[in-house]
Amino acid sequence: MDQSIIERVFATVFPIVAICTIGYGYGRWRKPDIKLINQINMEVFVPLLVFVVLADQSVPVGHLGPMALGAIMVVLGSGLLLWPVIALSPWSSKTFLPPMMFNNVGNMGIPLILLAFGDDFLAIAVVCFIVEMTLHFSLGIFIINPKMRLISLLKQPVMLATLAGFAVALSGFQLPDSVHLPIDMLGQICIPLMLFTLGIRLTSIEFGDWKVGLIGAVLCPISGIIMAVAAQTLLQLPPQQYAVLLVFGALPPAVLNYMVAEQYQQEPKRVASIVLIGNLVALISIPFTLTFVL
């Protein structure tokens, strides 16, 4: 693989580690209560990011149905594939399965796809993002809290933002710049804030959590790649779309898994470990995957 690709992959992953490290240092210093910060992020900044991505008319996603189906198969299949493994482990499936299913397509996957395949693949990257986000805030929350009613899921700010974004996109309405800009600016807050609070959460991680983090870091990309290959046997995607699906499958757990775990108090310290170590291991797994697909 070209040296520049390796450098850019590292440049994509390193900021994640750096921001988490700063958050960790601040957490050790001040020991802040981050529940309110995470609540604001989940109820304001993340929904605004989802809305503005979906409502952006410059990203044509309507013709990519098979690619969306492939992404769905990767997400759902990863959970089904690892379910027996988790059942035999000492860890809760509510803690372990969501990070294995819902990967870091937002702040790592999209930049990687554009880097490896070019700006013409923005629509494909956005389709993967939409699939991951929609399933995460429906099925992902249901896994953690099976007693939650469907109407409660639909009332989630992110789900409301998803529906509103689709409505704007389907209507053909173009958001005025004066409206688009502040929404986009607020939405962009969520990613670094997620990483910063993740670093703070890491100050309370116990040694035993690093073991589950390392196992998750290995199983997440392996299960995703296996399901991408399986999806291709059924869908027969064009070669370049299949290559993107493989990269999508190889991505580490999304930072958003930690945010959801924090919100629902589903072992957030353990989920934080899975997310952080998974993204560190991506320094190895992502370059390896790109070597294969490019």
Protein backbone atom coordinates (compact mmCIF):
# COMPACT_ATOMS: atom_id res chain seq x y z
CA MET A 1 0.00 0.00 0.00
CA ASP A 2 1.21 3.50 -0.79
CA GLN A 3 3.04 5.22 2.07
CA SER A 4 0.75 8.25 1.82
CA ILE A 5 -2.29 6.04 2.48
CA ILE A 6 -0.64 4.66 5.63
CA GLU A 7 0.16 8.17 6.81
CA ARG A 8 -3.38 9.41 6.18
CA VAL A 9 -4.92 6.38 7.90
CA PHE A 10 -2.76 7.10 10.92
CA ALA A 11 -3.70 10.78 10.69
CA THR A 12 -7.37 9.77 10.82
CA VAL A 13 -7.04 7.45 13.82
CA PHE A 14 -4.52 9.49 15.83
CA PRO A 15 -6.85 12.47 16.56
CA ILE A 16 -9.31 10.03 18.14
CA VAL A 17 -6.62 8.80 20.51
CA ALA A 18 -5.31 12.33 21.13
CA ILE A 19 -8.70 13.80 22.08
CA CYS A 20 -9.45 10.83 24.34
CA THR A 21 -6.05 11.34 25.99
CA ILE A 22 -6.81 15.03 26.65
CA GLY A 23 -10.17 14.05 28.12
CA TYR A 24 -8.46 11.43 30.27
CA GLY A 25 -6.00 14.01 31.58
CA TYR A 26 -8.78 16.48 32.37
CA GLY A 27 -10.79 13.74 34.05
CA ARG A 28 -7.85 12.83 36.28
CA TRP A 29 -7.41 16.49 37.14
CA ARG A 30 -10.96 17.70 37.74
CA LYS A 31 -12.99 14.47 38.08
CA PRO A 32 -16.09 16.11 36.48
CA ASP A 33 -19.61 14.68 36.36
CA ILE A 34 -20.18 14.06 32.64
CA LYS A 35 -23.79 12.85 32.72
CA LEU A 36 -25.23 16.28 31.85
CA ILE A 37 -22.68 16.80 29.07
CA ASN A 38 -23.54 13.44 27.54
CA GLN A 39 -27.26 14.13 27.83
CA ILE A 40 -26.91 17.41 25.94
CA ASN A 41 -24.80 15.72 23.29
CA MET A 42 -27.31 12.90 22.76
CA GLU A 43 -30.35 15.16 22.75
CA VAL A 44 -29.02 18.16 20.77
CA PHE A 45 -25.70 17.82 18.94
CA VAL A 46 -25.96 14.22 17.64
CA PRO A 47 -29.54 14.67 16.31
CA LEU A 48 -28.54 17.87 14.53
CA LEU A 49 -25.62 16.10 12.84
CA VAL A 50 -27.89 13.28 11.64
CA PHE A 51 -30.48 15.74 10.35
CA VAL A 52 -28.06 17.90 8.40
CA VAL A 53 -26.39 14.88 6.74
CA LEU A 54 -29.72 13.43 5.62
CA ALA A 55 -31.17 16.76 4.52
CA ASP A 56 -28.13 17.70 2.43
CA GLN A 57 -29.35 17.63 -1.18
CA SER A 58 -25.78 17.58 -2.52
CA VAL A 59 -25.40 13.92 -1.49
CA PRO A 60 -27.47 11.68 -3.85
CA VAL A 61 -28.28 8.44 -2.00
CA GLY A 62 -31.51 7.31 -3.68
CA HIS A 63 -29.89 4.88 -6.15
CA LEU A 64 -27.84 2.97 -3.59
CA GLY A 65 -30.47 0.54 -2.26
CA PRO A 66 -28.33 -2.60 -2.71
CA MET A 67 -25.42 -0.93 -0.92
CA ALA A 68 -27.73 0.00 1.97
CA LEU A 69 -28.94 -3.60 2.12
CA GLY A 70 -25.33 -4.77 2.27
CA ALA A 71 -24.61 -2.42 5.18
CA ILE A 72 -27.72 -3.69 6.98
CA MET A 73 -26.52 -7.26 6.53
CA VAL A 74 -23.10 -6.37 7.97
CA VAL A 75 -24.60 -4.71 11.04
CA LEU A 76 -27.23 -7.35 11.81
CA GLY A 77 -25.08 -10.28 10.74
CA SER A 78 -22.23 -9.27 13.03
CA GLY A 79 -24.57 -9.47 15.99
CA LEU A 80 -25.99 -12.84 14.95
CA LEU A 81 -22.52 -14.23 14.26
CA LEU A 82 -21.18 -13.26 17.67
CA TRP A 83 -24.29 -14.03 19.71
CA PRO A 84 -23.23 -17.65 20.52
CA VAL A 85 -19.74 -16.40 21.46
CA ILE A 86 -21.15 -13.87 23.91
CA ALA A 87 -23.58 -16.42 25.32
CA LEU A 88 -20.60 -18.55 26.39
CA SER A 89 -18.67 -15.58 27.85
CA PRO A 90 -19.01 -13.99 31.31
CA TRP A 91 -20.04 -10.66 29.75
CA SER A 92 -23.50 -9.28 29.18
CA SER A 93 -24.76 -9.34 25.60
CA LYS A 94 -26.31 -5.91 26.25
CA THR A 95 -22.81 -4.58 26.89
CA PHE A 96 -20.82 -6.46 24.28
CA LEU A 97 -23.05 -6.89 21.23
CA PRO A 98 -23.84 -3.24 20.34
CA PRO A 99 -20.15 -2.23 19.97
CA MET A 100 -19.63 -5.28 17.73
CA MET A 101 -22.56 -4.29 15.51
CA PHE A 102 -22.40 -0.50 15.35
CA ASN A 103 -19.08 0.73 14.01
CA ASN A 104 -17.25 4.02 13.71
CA VAL A 105 -18.46 5.02 10.26
CA GLY A 106 -19.15 8.64 11.23
CA ASN A 107 -15.84 10.07 12.37
CA MET A 108 -13.55 7.38 10.95
CA GLY A 109 -15.33 5.53 8.14
CA ILE A 110 -16.37 8.50 6.02
CA PRO A 111 -12.88 10.09 5.97
CA LEU A 112 -11.30 6.71 5.22
CA ILE A 113 -13.68 5.96 2.36
CA LEU A 114 -13.12 9.37 0.79
CA LEU A 115 -9.37 8.99 1.19
CA ALA A 116 -9.19 5.52 -0.31
CA PHE A 117 -11.77 5.84 -3.10
CA GLY A 118 -12.23 9.55 -3.78
CA ASP A 119 -14.90 12.21 -3.33
CA ASP A 120 -17.22 10.45 -5.79
CA PHE A 121 -17.86 7.86 -3.05
CA LEU A 122 -19.33 10.36 -0.60
CA ALA A 123 -22.87 9.13 -1.32
CA ILE A 124 -21.88 5.52 -0.58
CA ALA A 125 -20.20 6.58 2.67
CA VAL A 126 -23.30 8.53 3.70
CA VAL A 127 -25.53 5.51 2.99
CA CYS A 128 -23.42 3.42 5.37
CA PHE A 129 -23.66 6.21 7.94
CA ILE A 130 -27.46 6.40 7.63
CA VAL A 131 -27.84 2.63 8.04
CA GLU A 132 -25.60 2.51 11.09
CA MET A 133 -27.23 5.48 12.81
CA THR A 134 -30.82 4.36 12.11
CA LEU A 135 -30.22 0.82 13.37
CA HIS A 136 -28.22 2.05 16.35
CA PHE A 137 -31.00 4.29 17.63
CA SER A 138 -33.70 1.68 17.12
CA LEU A 139 -32.39 -1.87 17.41
CA GLY A 140 -29.32 -0.83 19.40
CA ILE A 141 -31.39 0.81 22.12
CA PHE A 142 -33.86 -2.09 22.07
CA ILE A 143 -31.00 -4.54 22.77
CA ILE A 144 -30.03 -2.55 25.87
CA ASN A 145 -33.61 -1.93 26.99
CA PRO A 146 -35.98 -4.57 25.50
CA LYS A 147 -38.90 -3.23 27.54
CA MET A 148 -38.82 0.07 25.72
CA ARG A 149 -41.90 0.48 23.54
CA LEU A 150 -41.61 1.27 19.85
CA ILE A 151 -43.29 4.63 20.31
CA SER A 152 -40.64 5.50 22.89
CA LEU A 153 -37.92 4.68 20.37
CA LEU A 154 -39.56 6.91 17.79
CA LYS A 155 -39.58 9.74 20.31
CA GLN A 156 -35.80 9.58 20.68
CA PRO A 157 -34.29 12.90 19.47
CA VAL A 158 -32.02 11.08 17.02
CA MET A 159 -34.92 9.11 15.52
CA LEU A 160 -36.99 12.30 15.17
CA ALA A 161 -34.00 13.94 13.49
CA THR A 162 -33.68 10.96 11.14
CA LEU A 163 -37.33 11.15 10.10
CA ALA A 164 -37.11 14.93 9.66
CA GLY A 165 -33.94 14.59 7.59
CA PHE A 166 -35.51 12.01 5.30
CA ALA A 167 -38.61 14.19 4.93
CA VAL A 168 -36.54 17.19 3.86
CA ALA A 169 -34.48 15.07 1.47
CA LEU A 170 -37.54 13.49 -0.16
CA SER A 171 -39.31 16.84 -0.49
CA GLY A 172 -36.44 18.25 -2.50
CA PHE A 173 -36.34 21.31 -0.27
CA GLN A 174 -32.91 22.92 0.01
CA LEU A 175 -32.09 24.36 3.41
CA PRO A 176 -31.06 28.02 3.19
CA ASP A 177 -27.44 28.64 4.09
CA SER A 178 -28.53 30.76 7.04
CA VAL A 179 -30.34 27.70 8.46
CA HIS A 180 -27.93 25.01 7.30
CA LEU A 181 -24.80 26.63 8.75
CA PRO A 182 -25.80 26.87 12.43
CA ILE A 183 -27.29 23.37 12.38
CA ASP A 184 -24.12 22.00 10.82
CA MET A 185 -21.89 23.87 13.28
CA LEU A 186 -23.79 22.52 16.27
CA GLY A 187 -23.84 19.01 14.80
CA GLN A 188 -20.08 19.03 14.36
CA ILE A 189 -19.67 19.54 18.11
CA CYS A 190 -20.85 16.01 18.88
CA ILE A 191 -17.88 14.02 17.57
CA PRO A 192 -15.04 15.71 19.49
CA LEU A 193 -17.29 15.98 22.55
CA MET A 194 -17.97 12.23 22.40
CA LEU A 195 -14.25 11.54 22.29
CA PHE A 196 -13.46 13.98 25.09
CA THR A 197 -16.05 12.52 27.47
CA LEU A 198 -14.94 9.02 26.49
CA GLY A 199 -11.46 9.96 27.73
CA ILE A 200 -12.94 11.22 31.01
CA ARG A 201 -14.85 7.96 31.43
CA LEU A 202 -11.61 6.00 30.97
CA THR A 203 -10.32 7.37 34.28
CA SER A 204 -12.63 4.91 36.05
CA ILE A 205 -11.82 1.83 33.96
CA GLU A 206 -10.60 -1.16 35.92
CA PHE A 207 -7.88 -3.55 34.76
CA GLY A 208 -10.33 -6.35 34.01
CA ASP A 209 -12.05 -4.19 31.40
CA TRP A 210 -8.96 -4.15 29.18
CA LYS A 211 -9.38 -7.85 28.50
CA VAL A 212 -12.89 -7.48 27.14
CA GLY A 213 -11.71 -4.43 25.21
CA LEU A 214 -8.97 -6.38 23.46
CA ILE A 215 -11.27 -9.28 22.61
CA GLY A 216 -13.83 -6.87 21.23
CA ALA A 217 -11.16 -5.08 19.20
CA VAL A 218 -10.38 -8.38 17.45
CA LEU A 219 -13.91 -9.73 17.02
CA CYS A 220 -15.48 -6.50 15.72
CA PRO A 221 -13.55 -6.19 12.42
CA ILE A 222 -13.39 -9.96 11.87
CA SER A 223 -17.17 -10.40 12.17
CA GLY A 224 -17.79 -7.32 10.01
CA ILE A 225 -15.52 -8.53 7.22
CA ILE A 226 -17.05 -12.03 7.30
CA MET A 227 -20.52 -10.55 6.92
CA ALA A 228 -19.39 -8.22 4.11
CA VAL A 229 -18.11 -11.24 2.18
CA ALA A 230 -21.37 -13.10 2.88
CA ALA A 231 -23.44 -10.11 1.75
CA GLN A 232 -21.49 -9.93 -1.50
CA THR A 233 -22.34 -13.53 -2.37
CA LEU A 234 -26.02 -12.57 -2.29
CA LEU A 235 -25.98 -9.02 -3.63
CA GLN A 236 -23.16 -9.12 -6.21
CA LEU A 237 -22.32 -5.46 -5.71
CA PRO A 238 -20.04 -3.70 -8.20
CA PRO A 239 -16.37 -4.21 -7.25
CA GLN A 240 -15.86 -0.70 -5.89
CA GLN A 241 -19.00 -0.82 -3.76
CA TYR A 242 -17.92 -4.22 -2.44
CA ALA A 243 -14.54 -2.74 -1.52
CA VAL A 244 -16.28 0.01 0.45
CA LEU A 245 -18.47 -2.59 2.18
CA LEU A 246 -15.33 -4.45 3.27
CA VAL A 247 -13.89 -1.24 4.73
CA PHE A 248 -17.24 -0.60 6.46
CA GLY A 249 -17.14 -4.08 7.97
CA ALA A 250 -13.55 -3.62 9.20
CA LEU A 251 -14.26 -0.41 11.13
CA PRO A 252 -13.85 -0.41 14.93
CA PRO A 253 -16.70 0.20 17.41
CA ALA A 254 -18.36 3.62 17.24
CA VAL A 255 -17.79 6.12 20.03
CA LEU A 256 -21.57 6.48 20.10
CA ASN A 257 -21.78 3.02 21.73
CA TYR A 258 -20.24 4.54 24.83
CA MET A 259 -22.66 7.48 24.74
CA VAL A 260 -25.68 5.16 24.60
CA ALA A 261 -24.24 2.93 27.34
CA GLU A 262 -23.71 6.02 29.51
CA GLN A 263 -27.25 7.23 28.90
CA TYR A 264 -28.80 3.87 29.83
CA GLN A 265 -26.19 2.97 32.48
CA GLN A 266 -25.27 -0.28 30.72
CA GLU A 267 -21.73 -0.80 32.05
CA PRO A 268 -20.35 2.39 30.43
CA LYS A 269 -16.84 1.82 31.80
CA ARG A 270 -16.61 -1.55 30.07
CA VAL A 271 -18.06 -0.18 26.82
CA ALA A 272 -15.57 2.69 26.95
CA SER A 273 -12.73 0.17 27.10
CA ILE A 274 -14.10 -1.76 24.13
CA VAL A 275 -14.40 1.43 22.09
CA LEU A 276 -10.99 2.85 22.92
CA ILE A 277 -9.00 -0.36 22.41
CA GLY A 278 -10.97 -1.12 19.27
CA ASN A 279 -9.98 2.20 17.75
CA LEU A 280 -6.35 1.68 18.77
CA VAL A 281 -6.27 -1.74 17.12
CA ALA A 282 -7.75 -0.09 14.01
CA LEU A 283 -4.27 1.33 13.43
CA ILE A 284 -3.43 -2.23 12.35
CA SER A 285 -6.69 -3.65 10.99
CA ILE A 286 -7.67 -0.70 8.77
CA PRO A 287 -4.35 -0.45 6.87
CA PHE A 288 -4.45 -4.22 6.39
CA THR A 289 -7.97 -4.03 4.97
CA LEU A 290 -7.08 -1.15 2.66
CA THR A 291 -4.07 -3.12 1.41
CA PHE A 292 -6.46 -5.87 0.34
CA VAL A 293 -9.16 -3.73 -1.30
CA LEU A 294 -7.08 -1.09 -3.10
